[in-house]
N, C-alpha and C. Protein backbone atom coordinates (compact mmCIF):
# COMPACT_ATOMS: atom_id res chain seq x y z
N MET A 1 92.98 106.89 79.28
CA MET A 1 93.49 105.84 80.65
C MET A 1 95.09 105.84 80.44
N LYS A 2 95.81 105.71 81.31
CA LYS A 2 97.15 105.17 80.84
C LYS A 2 97.79 104.23 81.49
N HIS A 3 99.02 103.42 81.25
CA HIS A 3 99.32 102.48 82.02
C HIS A 3 100.78 103.23 82.64
N GLU A 4 101.69 102.03 83.46
CA GLU A 4 102.42 102.98 84.22
C GLU A 4 103.59 103.59 83.35
N LYS A 5 103.92 102.85 82.17
CA LYS A 5 104.94 103.79 81.16
C LYS A 5 104.08 104.89 80.62
N GLY A 6 102.84 104.85 80.32
CA GLY A 6 102.24 106.24 79.79
C GLY A 6 101.80 105.71 78.24
N VAL A 7 101.56 104.50 78.56
CA VAL A 7 100.89 104.31 77.27
C VAL A 7 99.40 104.15 77.22
N ALA A 8 99.04 105.25 76.25
CA ALA A 8 97.69 105.68 76.21
C ALA A 8 96.79 104.12 75.29
N MET A 9 95.44 104.13 76.34
CA MET A 9 94.42 103.14 75.61
C MET A 9 93.39 103.55 74.91
N ASN A 10 93.26 102.98 73.82
CA ASN A 10 92.20 103.60 72.47
C ASN A 10 90.68 102.68 73.47
N ARG A 11 89.87 102.93 72.38
CA ARG A 11 88.64 102.65 72.88
C ARG A 11 87.83 101.43 73.18
N LYS A 12 89.02 100.39 71.98
CA LYS A 12 88.67 98.98 71.74
C LYS A 12 89.56 98.68 72.85
N GLN A 13 90.54 98.87 73.17
CA GLN A 13 92.01 98.32 74.55
C GLN A 13 90.87 98.50 75.62
N PHE A 14 90.49 99.57 75.42
CA PHE A 14 89.62 100.00 77.41
C PHE A 14 88.71 99.01 77.32
N ILE A 15 87.53 98.79 76.09
CA ILE A 15 86.68 98.01 76.49
C ILE A 15 87.13 96.21 76.74
N ALA A 16 88.45 95.95 76.29
CA ALA A 16 89.24 94.56 76.39
C ALA A 16 89.45 94.66 77.68
N TYR A 17 90.05 95.65 77.94
CA TYR A 17 90.69 95.89 79.27
C TYR A 17 89.60 95.57 80.45
N TRP A 18 88.51 96.13 80.41
CA TRP A 18 87.20 95.97 81.67
C TRP A 18 86.34 94.91 81.50
N ALA A 19 86.39 93.96 80.60
CA ALA A 19 85.74 92.91 80.16
C ALA A 19 85.31 92.38 81.34
N PRO A 20 86.32 91.70 81.91
CA PRO A 20 85.82 90.89 83.13
C PRO A 20 85.01 91.56 83.99
N ILE A 21 85.73 92.92 84.82
CA ILE A 21 84.91 93.53 85.84
C ILE A 21 83.54 93.82 85.15
N GLY A 22 83.39 94.27 83.72
CA GLY A 22 82.10 94.36 83.49
C GLY A 22 81.53 93.26 83.28
N ALA A 23 81.80 92.09 83.26
CA ALA A 23 80.95 90.87 83.14
C ALA A 23 80.56 90.60 84.84
N LEU A 24 81.67 90.88 85.69
CA LEU A 24 81.08 90.85 87.03
C LEU A 24 80.11 91.56 87.91
N MET A 25 80.22 92.90 87.26
CA MET A 25 79.22 94.03 87.56
C MET A 25 77.92 93.50 86.86
N ALA A 26 77.79 92.92 85.54
CA ALA A 26 76.59 92.63 85.04
C ALA A 26 75.80 91.17 85.76
N ALA A 27 76.80 90.57 85.85
CA ALA A 27 76.47 89.56 86.77
C ALA A 27 75.45 90.01 87.75
N ALA A 28 76.11 90.74 88.56
CA ALA A 28 75.51 91.12 89.75
C ALA A 28 74.61 91.78 89.45
N GLY A 29 74.02 92.41 88.51
CA GLY A 29 72.48 92.84 88.40
C GLY A 29 71.86 91.41 87.91
N SER A 30 72.03 90.24 87.24
CA SER A 30 71.31 88.71 87.40
C SER A 30 70.93 88.38 88.32
N ASN A 31 71.81 88.63 89.21
CA ASN A 31 71.58 87.80 90.51
C ASN A 31 70.65 88.22 91.38
N ALA A 32 70.56 89.81 90.94
CA ALA A 32 69.09 90.02 91.81
C ALA A 32 67.86 89.44 91.38
N GLN A 33 67.64 88.78 90.26
CA GLN A 33 66.58 87.81 89.68
C GLN A 33 67.02 86.25 89.85
N ALA A 34 67.68 86.02 90.72
CA ALA A 34 68.01 84.55 91.05
C ALA A 34 66.99 84.00 91.67
N SER A 35 66.89 82.61 91.47
CA SER A 35 66.10 81.86 92.04
C SER A 35 65.82 81.72 93.67
N ASP A 36 64.83 81.06 94.39
CA ASP A 36 64.82 81.27 95.75
C ASP A 36 66.02 80.35 96.09
N SER A 37 66.20 79.24 95.52
CA SER A 37 66.89 78.18 95.96
C SER A 37 68.50 79.00 95.67
N ALA A 38 68.76 79.51 94.86
CA ALA A 38 70.26 80.26 94.66
C ALA A 38 70.12 81.52 95.64
N ALA A 39 68.92 81.99 95.88
CA ALA A 39 69.22 83.00 97.07
C ALA A 39 69.53 82.58 98.54
N ALA A 40 68.80 81.37 98.86
CA ALA A 40 69.11 80.69 100.30
C ALA A 40 70.55 80.14 100.14
N LYS A 41 71.25 80.12 98.78
CA LYS A 41 72.62 79.12 98.73
C LYS A 41 73.62 80.69 98.99
N ALA A 42 73.00 81.81 98.53
CA ALA A 42 74.02 83.09 98.62
C ALA A 42 73.69 83.35 100.38
N ALA A 43 72.55 83.15 100.79
CA ALA A 43 72.48 83.66 102.06
C ALA A 43 73.63 83.00 103.09
N LYS A 44 74.04 81.53 102.34
CA LYS A 44 74.78 80.47 103.31
C LYS A 44 76.33 81.16 103.17
N ARG A 45 76.48 81.89 101.99
CA ARG A 45 77.65 81.93 101.34
C ARG A 45 77.62 83.26 100.46
N GLY A 46 78.67 83.80 100.25
CA GLY A 46 78.84 85.27 99.75
C GLY A 46 78.37 84.98 97.67
N PRO A 47 77.62 86.20 97.40
CA PRO A 47 77.49 86.08 96.06
C PRO A 47 78.45 85.62 95.20
N ARG A 48 79.61 85.77 95.66
CA ARG A 48 81.10 85.72 94.71
C ARG A 48 81.75 84.35 95.09
N VAL A 49 81.08 83.58 95.76
CA VAL A 49 81.96 82.45 96.08
C VAL A 49 82.31 81.59 94.89
N ASP A 50 81.80 82.02 93.91
CA ASP A 50 82.07 80.78 92.72
C ASP A 50 82.58 81.72 91.70
N TYR A 51 83.08 82.95 91.78
CA TYR A 51 83.56 83.81 91.04
C TYR A 51 85.29 83.79 91.43
N PHE A 52 85.56 84.05 92.66
CA PHE A 52 87.01 84.65 92.91
C PHE A 52 87.67 83.13 93.66
N PRO A 53 88.68 83.64 92.83
CA PRO A 53 89.39 82.28 93.48
C PRO A 53 90.14 82.22 94.60
N ASN A 54 89.84 81.23 95.33
CA ASN A 54 90.17 81.07 96.80
C ASN A 54 91.41 80.56 97.26
N VAL A 55 92.58 81.47 96.44
CA VAL A 55 93.71 80.77 96.82
C VAL A 55 94.72 81.28 97.85
N THR A 56 95.56 80.32 98.23
CA THR A 56 96.40 81.01 99.57
C THR A 56 97.30 81.77 99.02
N LEU A 57 97.34 83.07 100.34
CA LEU A 57 98.61 84.21 100.17
C LEU A 57 98.64 84.43 101.18
N THR A 58 99.76 85.29 101.62
CA THR A 58 100.78 85.08 103.08
C THR A 58 100.65 86.93 102.94
N THR A 59 100.13 87.46 104.05
CA THR A 59 100.15 88.57 104.41
C THR A 59 101.66 89.22 104.87
N GLN A 60 101.83 90.67 105.17
CA GLN A 60 103.00 91.16 105.71
C GLN A 60 103.68 90.74 106.88
N GLU A 61 102.79 89.86 107.51
CA GLU A 61 102.77 89.54 109.01
C GLU A 61 102.95 87.93 108.95
N GLY A 62 102.87 87.29 107.53
CA GLY A 62 103.21 85.94 107.85
C GLY A 62 102.46 85.12 108.01
N LYS A 63 101.06 85.56 107.86
CA LYS A 63 99.76 84.96 108.00
C LYS A 63 99.41 84.37 106.71
N GLN A 64 99.06 82.88 106.82
CA GLN A 64 98.71 82.60 105.72
C GLN A 64 97.04 83.15 105.47
N VAL A 65 96.56 83.78 104.31
CA VAL A 65 94.75 83.76 104.53
C VAL A 65 94.37 83.11 103.02
N HIS A 66 93.18 83.38 102.71
CA HIS A 66 92.61 82.52 101.34
C HIS A 66 91.99 83.78 101.29
N PHE A 67 91.94 84.11 99.79
CA PHE A 67 91.77 85.06 99.14
C PHE A 67 90.41 85.17 99.33
N TYR A 68 89.14 84.71 98.96
CA TYR A 68 87.89 84.76 99.33
C TYR A 68 87.31 84.32 100.18
N ASP A 69 87.53 83.50 100.71
CA ASP A 69 87.28 83.36 102.77
C ASP A 69 87.41 84.30 103.43
N ASP A 70 88.87 84.98 103.53
CA ASP A 70 89.29 85.63 104.55
C ASP A 70 89.52 87.29 104.05
N LEU A 71 89.17 87.59 102.91
CA LEU A 71 89.38 88.81 102.54
C LEU A 71 88.23 89.51 101.77
N VAL A 72 87.65 88.45 101.18
CA VAL A 72 86.45 89.22 100.22
C VAL A 72 84.99 88.97 100.59
N GLU A 73 85.07 87.56 100.85
CA GLU A 73 83.40 87.10 101.79
C GLU A 73 82.89 88.19 102.52
N GLY A 74 81.90 88.87 101.95
CA GLY A 74 81.41 89.87 103.05
C GLY A 74 81.99 90.90 103.56
N LYS A 75 82.88 91.60 103.07
CA LYS A 75 83.80 92.49 103.03
C LYS A 75 83.42 93.73 102.30
N VAL A 76 83.33 95.34 102.88
CA VAL A 76 83.97 96.33 101.69
C VAL A 76 85.25 96.07 101.83
N PHE A 77 85.76 96.46 100.54
CA PHE A 77 87.43 96.60 100.51
C PHE A 77 88.07 97.11 99.17
N THR A 78 89.00 97.52 99.19
CA THR A 78 89.78 98.25 98.06
C THR A 78 91.09 97.37 97.90
N LEU A 79 91.20 97.43 96.63
CA LEU A 79 92.49 96.34 96.08
C LEU A 79 93.29 97.20 95.05
N ASN A 80 94.25 96.79 95.18
CA ASN A 80 95.59 97.51 94.18
C ASN A 80 96.70 96.61 93.93
N LEU A 81 97.00 96.79 92.82
CA LEU A 81 98.58 95.83 92.55
C LEU A 81 99.73 97.01 92.53
N MET A 82 100.75 96.46 93.08
CA MET A 82 101.99 96.71 92.96
C MET A 82 103.56 96.13 93.30
N TYR A 83 104.34 96.62 93.44
CA TYR A 83 105.81 95.60 93.79
C TYR A 83 106.44 96.80 94.37
N THR A 84 107.39 96.39 95.32
CA THR A 84 107.98 97.20 96.13
C THR A 84 108.96 98.01 95.27
N THR A 85 109.71 97.64 94.13
CA THR A 85 110.70 98.43 93.55
C THR A 85 110.17 98.90 92.07
N CYS A 86 108.93 99.19 92.30
CA CYS A 86 108.22 99.68 91.23
C CYS A 86 108.85 100.87 91.47
N LYS A 87 109.18 101.79 90.15
CA LYS A 87 109.53 103.11 90.09
C LYS A 87 108.45 103.98 89.11
N GLY A 88 107.85 103.51 88.62
CA GLY A 88 106.91 104.54 87.84
C GLY A 88 105.89 104.80 88.60
N ALA A 89 104.65 104.24 88.43
CA ALA A 89 103.32 104.97 88.69
C ALA A 89 103.11 104.88 90.48
N CYS A 90 103.70 103.63 90.93
CA CYS A 90 103.69 102.92 92.00
C CYS A 90 103.82 104.09 93.32
N PRO A 91 104.86 104.68 93.18
CA PRO A 91 105.01 105.87 94.59
C PRO A 91 103.74 106.53 94.46
N GLY A 92 103.40 107.24 93.57
CA GLY A 92 102.09 108.48 93.47
C GLY A 92 100.94 107.21 93.96
N ILE A 93 100.39 105.95 93.13
CA ILE A 93 99.59 105.73 93.37
C ILE A 93 99.74 105.30 95.04
N MET A 94 100.37 104.75 95.89
CA MET A 94 100.82 104.21 97.02
C MET A 94 100.51 106.03 98.06
N THR A 95 101.29 106.94 97.60
CA THR A 95 100.79 108.00 98.31
C THR A 95 99.42 108.56 98.58
N ASN A 96 98.91 108.31 97.46
CA ASN A 96 97.41 108.18 96.99
C ASN A 96 96.65 107.84 98.06
N LEU A 97 96.78 106.41 98.16
CA LEU A 97 96.40 105.53 99.00
C LEU A 97 96.47 105.55 100.80
N VAL A 98 97.78 105.87 100.99
CA VAL A 98 98.06 106.45 102.05
C VAL A 98 96.65 107.83 102.83
N GLU A 99 96.91 108.89 101.71
CA GLU A 99 96.16 109.38 101.97
C GLU A 99 94.51 109.07 102.20
N LEU A 100 94.03 108.15 101.30
CA LEU A 100 92.60 107.42 101.48
C LEU A 100 92.62 106.91 102.90
N GLN A 101 93.29 106.28 103.27
CA GLN A 101 93.32 105.37 104.30
C GLN A 101 93.36 106.39 105.75
N ASP A 102 93.74 107.62 105.42
CA ASP A 102 93.66 108.78 106.46
C ASP A 102 92.08 109.32 106.56
N LEU A 103 91.79 108.96 105.22
CA LEU A 103 90.29 109.92 105.40
C LEU A 103 89.37 108.87 105.89
N ILE A 104 89.69 107.64 105.84
CA ILE A 104 88.73 106.75 106.11
C ILE A 104 89.27 105.91 107.80
N ALA A 105 89.90 106.81 108.38
CA ALA A 105 90.55 106.06 109.40
C ALA A 105 89.65 105.28 110.34
N ASP A 106 88.68 106.09 110.70
CA ASP A 106 87.76 105.45 111.86
C ASP A 106 87.11 104.35 111.32
N ARG A 107 86.89 103.75 110.24
CA ARG A 107 86.37 102.56 109.50
C ARG A 107 87.18 101.57 108.94
N LEU A 108 88.73 101.98 108.86
CA LEU A 108 89.57 100.99 108.71
C LEU A 108 89.62 99.86 109.17
N GLY A 109 89.81 98.75 108.97
CA GLY A 109 89.98 97.64 109.40
C GLY A 109 88.42 96.92 110.46
N ARG A 110 87.46 97.78 110.60
CA ARG A 110 86.34 97.39 110.89
C ARG A 110 85.30 97.18 109.80
N GLU A 111 85.09 98.07 108.91
CA GLU A 111 84.06 98.58 108.04
C GLU A 111 84.48 98.18 106.54
N VAL A 112 85.80 98.89 106.61
CA VAL A 112 86.34 98.62 105.41
C VAL A 112 87.81 98.08 105.57
N PHE A 113 88.20 97.44 104.51
CA PHE A 113 89.57 96.92 104.76
C PHE A 113 90.20 97.08 103.18
N MET A 114 91.74 97.38 103.10
CA MET A 114 92.69 97.50 102.37
C MET A 114 93.42 96.70 101.75
N TYR A 115 93.54 96.14 100.81
CA TYR A 115 94.62 94.97 99.79
C TYR A 115 95.53 95.83 99.34
N THR A 116 96.79 95.55 99.48
CA THR A 116 98.03 95.32 98.04
C THR A 116 98.39 94.37 97.59
N LEU A 117 98.36 93.95 96.81
CA LEU A 117 98.58 92.95 96.17
C LEU A 117 100.00 92.91 95.29
N SER A 118 101.21 92.22 95.86
CA SER A 118 102.52 92.33 95.10
C SER A 118 102.72 91.39 93.56
N LEU A 119 102.98 92.16 92.47
CA LEU A 119 103.23 91.14 91.61
C LEU A 119 104.69 90.66 91.17
N ASP A 120 105.38 90.75 92.25
CA ASP A 120 106.78 90.20 92.48
C ASP A 120 107.12 89.44 93.62
N PRO A 121 106.44 88.32 93.75
CA PRO A 121 106.47 87.71 94.92
C PRO A 121 107.75 87.02 95.40
N GLU A 122 108.79 86.85 94.22
CA GLU A 122 110.24 86.58 94.51
C GLU A 122 110.66 87.29 95.25
N LYS A 123 110.58 89.00 94.99
CA LYS A 123 111.39 89.74 95.93
C LYS A 123 110.48 90.22 97.55
N ASP A 124 109.21 90.34 96.94
CA ASP A 124 108.62 91.42 98.14
C ASP A 124 107.84 89.58 98.86
N THR A 125 108.83 89.31 99.76
CA THR A 125 108.45 88.45 100.74
C THR A 125 107.43 89.01 101.68
N PRO A 126 107.03 88.35 102.78
CA PRO A 126 106.42 89.07 103.92
C PRO A 126 107.06 90.13 104.64
N GLU A 127 108.65 89.83 104.76
CA GLU A 127 109.52 90.73 105.45
C GLU A 127 109.39 91.87 104.52
N ALA A 128 109.87 91.59 103.16
CA ALA A 128 110.10 93.17 102.57
C ALA A 128 108.60 93.90 102.27
N LEU A 129 107.32 93.22 102.33
CA LEU A 129 106.19 93.88 102.56
C LEU A 129 105.77 94.61 103.63
N LYS A 130 106.16 94.15 104.81
CA LYS A 130 106.11 94.71 106.06
C LYS A 130 107.11 95.72 106.25
N GLU A 131 108.07 95.74 105.92
CA GLU A 131 109.19 97.03 105.93
C GLU A 131 108.38 97.82 105.03
N TYR A 132 108.01 97.62 103.79
CA TYR A 132 107.51 98.86 103.05
C TYR A 132 106.39 99.27 103.28
N ALA A 133 105.50 98.44 104.20
CA ALA A 133 104.10 99.01 105.08
C ALA A 133 104.49 99.88 105.94
N THR A 134 105.49 99.53 107.09
CA THR A 134 105.90 100.55 107.87
C THR A 134 106.70 101.95 107.22
N LYS A 135 107.27 101.87 106.25
CA LYS A 135 107.72 102.97 105.53
C LYS A 135 106.77 104.08 105.10
N ILE A 136 105.99 103.41 104.27
CA ILE A 136 104.46 104.34 104.18
C ILE A 136 103.89 104.77 105.29
N GLY A 137 104.07 104.19 106.25
CA GLY A 137 102.78 104.44 107.31
C GLY A 137 101.39 103.79 107.16
N ALA A 138 101.62 102.60 106.81
CA ALA A 138 100.18 101.37 106.40
C ALA A 138 99.61 101.19 108.02
N ARG A 139 98.42 101.85 107.90
CA ARG A 139 97.83 101.11 109.37
C ARG A 139 97.15 99.91 109.66
N ALA A 140 96.68 99.30 110.65
CA ALA A 140 96.11 98.11 110.80
C ALA A 140 94.92 98.19 109.73
N GLY A 141 94.44 97.11 109.48
CA GLY A 141 93.18 97.58 108.35
C GLY A 141 93.55 97.12 106.78
N TRP A 142 95.14 97.67 106.84
CA TRP A 142 95.34 97.59 105.25
C TRP A 142 96.69 96.47 105.11
N THR A 143 96.39 95.69 104.51
CA THR A 143 97.08 94.36 104.44
C THR A 143 97.63 94.16 103.06
N PHE A 144 99.23 93.93 103.29
CA PHE A 144 99.53 93.85 102.19
C PHE A 144 99.92 92.08 101.93
N LEU A 145 100.07 91.65 100.56
CA LEU A 145 99.61 90.33 100.06
C LEU A 145 101.09 89.90 99.21
N THR A 146 101.35 88.86 99.65
CA THR A 146 102.46 88.06 98.41
C THR A 146 101.50 86.66 98.31
N GLY A 147 102.04 85.70 97.42
CA GLY A 147 101.79 84.41 97.15
C GLY A 147 102.64 83.67 96.24
N ALA A 148 102.15 82.58 95.53
CA ALA A 148 102.72 81.99 94.69
C ALA A 148 102.42 82.95 93.08
N LEU A 149 103.19 82.70 92.05
CA LEU A 149 102.97 83.96 90.89
C LEU A 149 101.64 83.41 90.37
N GLU A 150 101.62 81.76 90.38
CA GLU A 150 100.52 81.66 89.39
C GLU A 150 99.04 81.85 90.20
N ASP A 151 99.17 82.00 91.16
CA ASP A 151 97.88 82.27 92.27
C ASP A 151 97.60 83.89 91.88
N ILE A 152 98.57 84.74 92.24
CA ILE A 152 98.43 86.28 91.79
C ILE A 152 97.90 86.49 90.51
N GLU A 153 98.22 85.71 89.79
CA GLU A 153 97.95 86.02 88.03
C GLU A 153 96.30 85.54 88.45
N ALA A 154 95.93 84.66 88.79
CA ALA A 154 94.56 84.28 88.82
C ALA A 154 93.40 85.27 89.53
N ILE A 155 94.07 86.03 90.31
CA ILE A 155 93.17 86.86 90.85
C ILE A 155 93.21 88.17 90.02
N ARG A 156 94.62 88.38 89.58
CA ARG A 156 94.76 89.75 88.88
C ARG A 156 93.69 89.63 87.29
N ARG A 157 93.82 88.37 86.65
CA ARG A 157 92.75 88.02 85.83
C ARG A 157 91.33 88.00 86.07
N LYS A 158 91.00 87.67 87.30
CA LYS A 158 89.61 87.85 87.47
C LYS A 158 89.02 89.17 87.78
N LEU A 159 89.93 89.97 88.21
CA LEU A 159 89.34 91.12 88.92
C LEU A 159 89.66 92.09 87.49
N GLY A 160 90.30 91.47 86.10
CA GLY A 160 89.97 92.26 85.02
C GLY A 160 91.32 93.33 85.13
N PHE A 161 92.11 93.17 86.08
CA PHE A 161 93.45 93.86 85.94
C PHE A 161 94.52 93.72 84.45
N VAL A 162 94.04 93.48 83.39
CA VAL A 162 94.72 92.84 82.50
C VAL A 162 95.24 93.87 80.76
N ASP A 163 95.70 93.48 80.04
CA ASP A 163 96.05 94.45 78.84
C ASP A 163 95.71 93.22 78.04
N PRO A 164 94.76 93.68 76.80
CA PRO A 164 94.62 92.83 75.89
C PRO A 164 95.81 92.91 74.94
N ASP A 165 96.99 93.48 74.81
CA ASP A 165 97.78 93.37 74.04
C ASP A 165 98.92 92.03 75.32
N PRO A 166 99.19 91.30 74.62
CA PRO A 166 100.09 89.83 75.11
C PRO A 166 101.30 90.33 76.04
N ASP A 167 102.01 91.21 74.65
CA ASP A 167 103.10 91.47 75.03
C ASP A 167 103.27 92.93 76.22
N ILE A 168 102.00 93.74 76.42
CA ILE A 168 102.03 94.90 77.54
C ILE A 168 101.67 94.18 78.70
N ASP A 169 100.91 93.25 78.81
CA ASP A 169 100.26 92.54 79.80
C ASP A 169 101.71 91.75 80.54
N ALA A 170 102.28 91.12 79.86
CA ALA A 170 103.42 90.62 80.32
C ALA A 170 104.55 91.61 81.12
N ASP A 171 104.45 92.45 80.63
CA ASP A 171 105.68 93.31 81.16
C ASP A 171 104.99 94.13 82.59
N ARG A 172 105.58 93.25 83.72
CA ARG A 172 105.35 93.97 84.94
C ARG A 172 105.62 95.44 85.30
N SER A 173 106.23 96.00 84.53
CA SER A 173 106.34 97.47 84.97
C SER A 173 105.14 98.31 84.18
N SER A 174 104.15 97.41 83.20
CA SER A 174 103.37 98.00 82.88
C SER A 174 101.80 97.54 83.09
N HIS A 175 101.88 97.59 84.26
CA HIS A 175 100.90 96.97 85.05
C HIS A 175 99.58 97.80 85.52
N SER A 176 98.56 97.60 85.90
CA SER A 176 97.26 98.26 85.58
C SER A 176 97.54 99.23 87.15
N GLY A 177 97.40 100.33 86.83
CA GLY A 177 97.24 101.73 87.79
C GLY A 177 96.05 101.90 88.44
N MET A 178 95.08 100.94 88.33
CA MET A 178 93.50 101.05 89.07
C MET A 178 93.46 100.54 89.92
N VAL A 179 92.56 101.13 90.76
CA VAL A 179 92.33 100.57 92.18
C VAL A 179 90.93 99.75 92.38
N MET A 180 90.47 99.13 92.68
CA MET A 180 89.23 98.55 92.76
C MET A 180 88.64 98.49 93.89
N PHE A 181 87.54 98.47 93.85
CA PHE A 181 86.20 98.84 95.09
C PHE A 181 85.28 98.20 95.30
N GLY A 182 85.18 97.03 96.26
CA GLY A 182 84.28 96.07 96.28
C GLY A 182 83.53 95.86 97.20
N ASN A 183 82.01 95.41 97.30
CA ASN A 183 81.40 95.09 98.38
C ASN A 183 80.78 94.12 98.06
N GLU A 184 81.22 92.76 98.40
CA GLU A 184 80.88 91.60 98.40
C GLU A 184 79.48 91.07 98.79
N ARG A 185 79.06 91.83 99.79
CA ARG A 185 77.50 91.50 100.38
C ARG A 185 76.79 91.98 99.83
N LEU A 186 76.61 93.19 99.34
CA LEU A 186 75.98 93.39 98.47
C LEU A 186 76.04 93.73 96.83
N ASP A 187 77.29 92.79 96.66
CA ASP A 187 77.69 92.47 95.01
C ASP A 187 77.54 93.80 94.35
N ARG A 188 78.44 94.93 94.87
CA ARG A 188 78.67 96.12 94.35
C ARG A 188 80.21 96.18 93.98
N TRP A 189 80.67 96.61 92.84
CA TRP A 189 81.92 96.46 92.56
C TRP A 189 82.18 97.74 91.27
N SER A 190 83.35 98.14 91.39
CA SER A 190 83.77 99.54 90.89
C SER A 190 85.32 99.38 90.78
N ALA A 191 85.75 100.17 89.86
CA ALA A 191 87.20 100.61 89.66
C ALA A 191 87.45 102.15 89.48
N CYS A 192 88.52 102.46 89.43
CA CYS A 192 89.21 103.94 88.99
C CYS A 192 90.43 103.89 89.20
N PRO A 193 90.92 104.97 88.43
CA PRO A 193 92.27 105.30 88.27
C PRO A 193 92.78 105.75 89.61
N ALA A 194 93.69 105.03 90.03
CA ALA A 194 94.49 105.10 91.63
C ALA A 194 95.03 106.75 91.70
N LEU A 195 95.43 107.26 90.68
CA LEU A 195 96.41 108.65 90.45
C LEU A 195 95.38 109.37 90.88
N LEU A 196 93.81 109.57 90.90
CA LEU A 196 92.66 110.34 91.17
C LEU A 196 93.08 111.11 92.57
N LYS A 197 92.31 112.01 92.38
CA LYS A 197 92.44 112.60 94.16
C LYS A 197 91.86 112.13 95.11
N PRO A 198 92.33 111.87 96.45
CA PRO A 198 92.14 110.98 96.94
C PRO A 198 90.81 111.08 97.58
N THR A 199 90.39 112.31 97.81
CA THR A 199 89.13 112.58 98.24
C THR A 199 87.96 112.00 97.03
N GLN A 200 88.51 111.55 95.97
CA GLN A 200 87.72 111.07 94.38
C GLN A 200 87.53 109.54 95.16
N LEU A 201 88.89 109.03 95.32
CA LEU A 201 88.78 107.94 95.98
C LEU A 201 88.10 107.21 96.84
N ALA A 202 87.82 108.22 97.88
CA ALA A 202 86.62 108.12 98.90
C ALA A 202 85.37 108.17 98.83
N ARG A 203 85.31 109.13 97.65
CA ARG A 203 83.59 109.19 97.15
C ARG A 203 83.05 107.91 96.50
N SER A 204 84.40 107.21 95.66
CA SER A 204 84.12 106.03 95.04
C SER A 204 83.70 104.68 95.85
N LEU A 205 84.53 104.78 96.80
CA LEU A 205 84.55 103.51 97.81
C LEU A 205 83.54 104.19 98.86
N ASN A 206 82.92 104.82 99.02
CA ASN A 206 81.75 104.94 99.82
C ASN A 206 80.47 104.73 99.07
N SER A 207 80.82 105.08 97.86
CA SER A 207 79.53 104.55 96.73
C SER A 207 79.22 103.02 96.89
N VAL A 208 80.28 102.34 96.86
CA VAL A 208 80.19 101.10 96.44
C VAL A 208 80.03 100.61 97.90
N ALA A 209 80.02 101.02 99.19
CA ALA A 209 79.88 100.57 100.37
C ALA A 209 78.32 101.26 100.89
N GLY A 210 77.71 102.09 99.86
CA GLY A 210 76.30 102.36 100.40
C GLY A 210 76.17 103.69 101.07
N LEU A 211 77.20 104.49 101.20
CA LEU A 211 77.37 105.50 102.16
C LEU A 211 77.38 106.69 101.28
N PRO A 212 76.89 108.26 102.05
CA PRO A 212 76.55 109.24 101.38
C PRO A 212 78.07 109.48 100.95
N THR A 213 78.21 109.89 99.64
CA THR A 213 79.69 110.02 98.61
C THR A 213 80.74 110.96 99.46
N GLU A 214 80.06 111.91 100.42
CA GLU A 214 80.74 112.85 100.97
C GLU A 214 81.42 112.45 101.94
N GLN A 215 80.86 111.26 102.44
CA GLN A 215 81.41 111.37 104.12
C GLN A 215 82.84 110.28 104.09
N THR A 216 83.68 110.95 105.08
CA THR A 216 84.91 110.06 104.85
C THR A 216 84.90 109.35 106.16
N ASN A 217 85.16 109.72 107.55
CA ASN A 217 84.87 108.98 108.96
C ASN A 217 83.70 108.77 109.07
């Protein structure tokens, strides 16, 4: 696995890198053995209501949304990190995600949602994100998000998009090139390098969504 600058990760780093998502998926298994009272609570709210920060973000349309309440709860979604001035892996990643949206076009915005979270909220205003989304051909159902830096950091760390080396982690240009797939209703989670072939991304998404892996639209 490599970061945007091509820094290889050894096995120890890989394990530390994925610890938060690993813990999330492990907890998903334990949820299946929850008590009746816990199941009743989960029936009212999603199984990850106490895990994800419900911080306020702003979409490319200038609409304020809550991360858990509006974007995660009960939804099947993809989520990746980027910033509009990124010159490293981001262009290739976003090209792949544009192809992914074409593969799931009939479900996008209804059954599946795509989220892209900016790591540079100072420059990536809603207006800048809207211009970028239009430029790459993002369709309805693909939401670009910005917000307060501390809120973005809270989400990033909960998703496990961190590096065990604090110097690398603090370098925005070395950000994670992963895309996360979530099915909050069924408590299914996965992630893979966003530079894989779009058809492979679609298979990973379908697996989390509970669909045949070869299905696209």
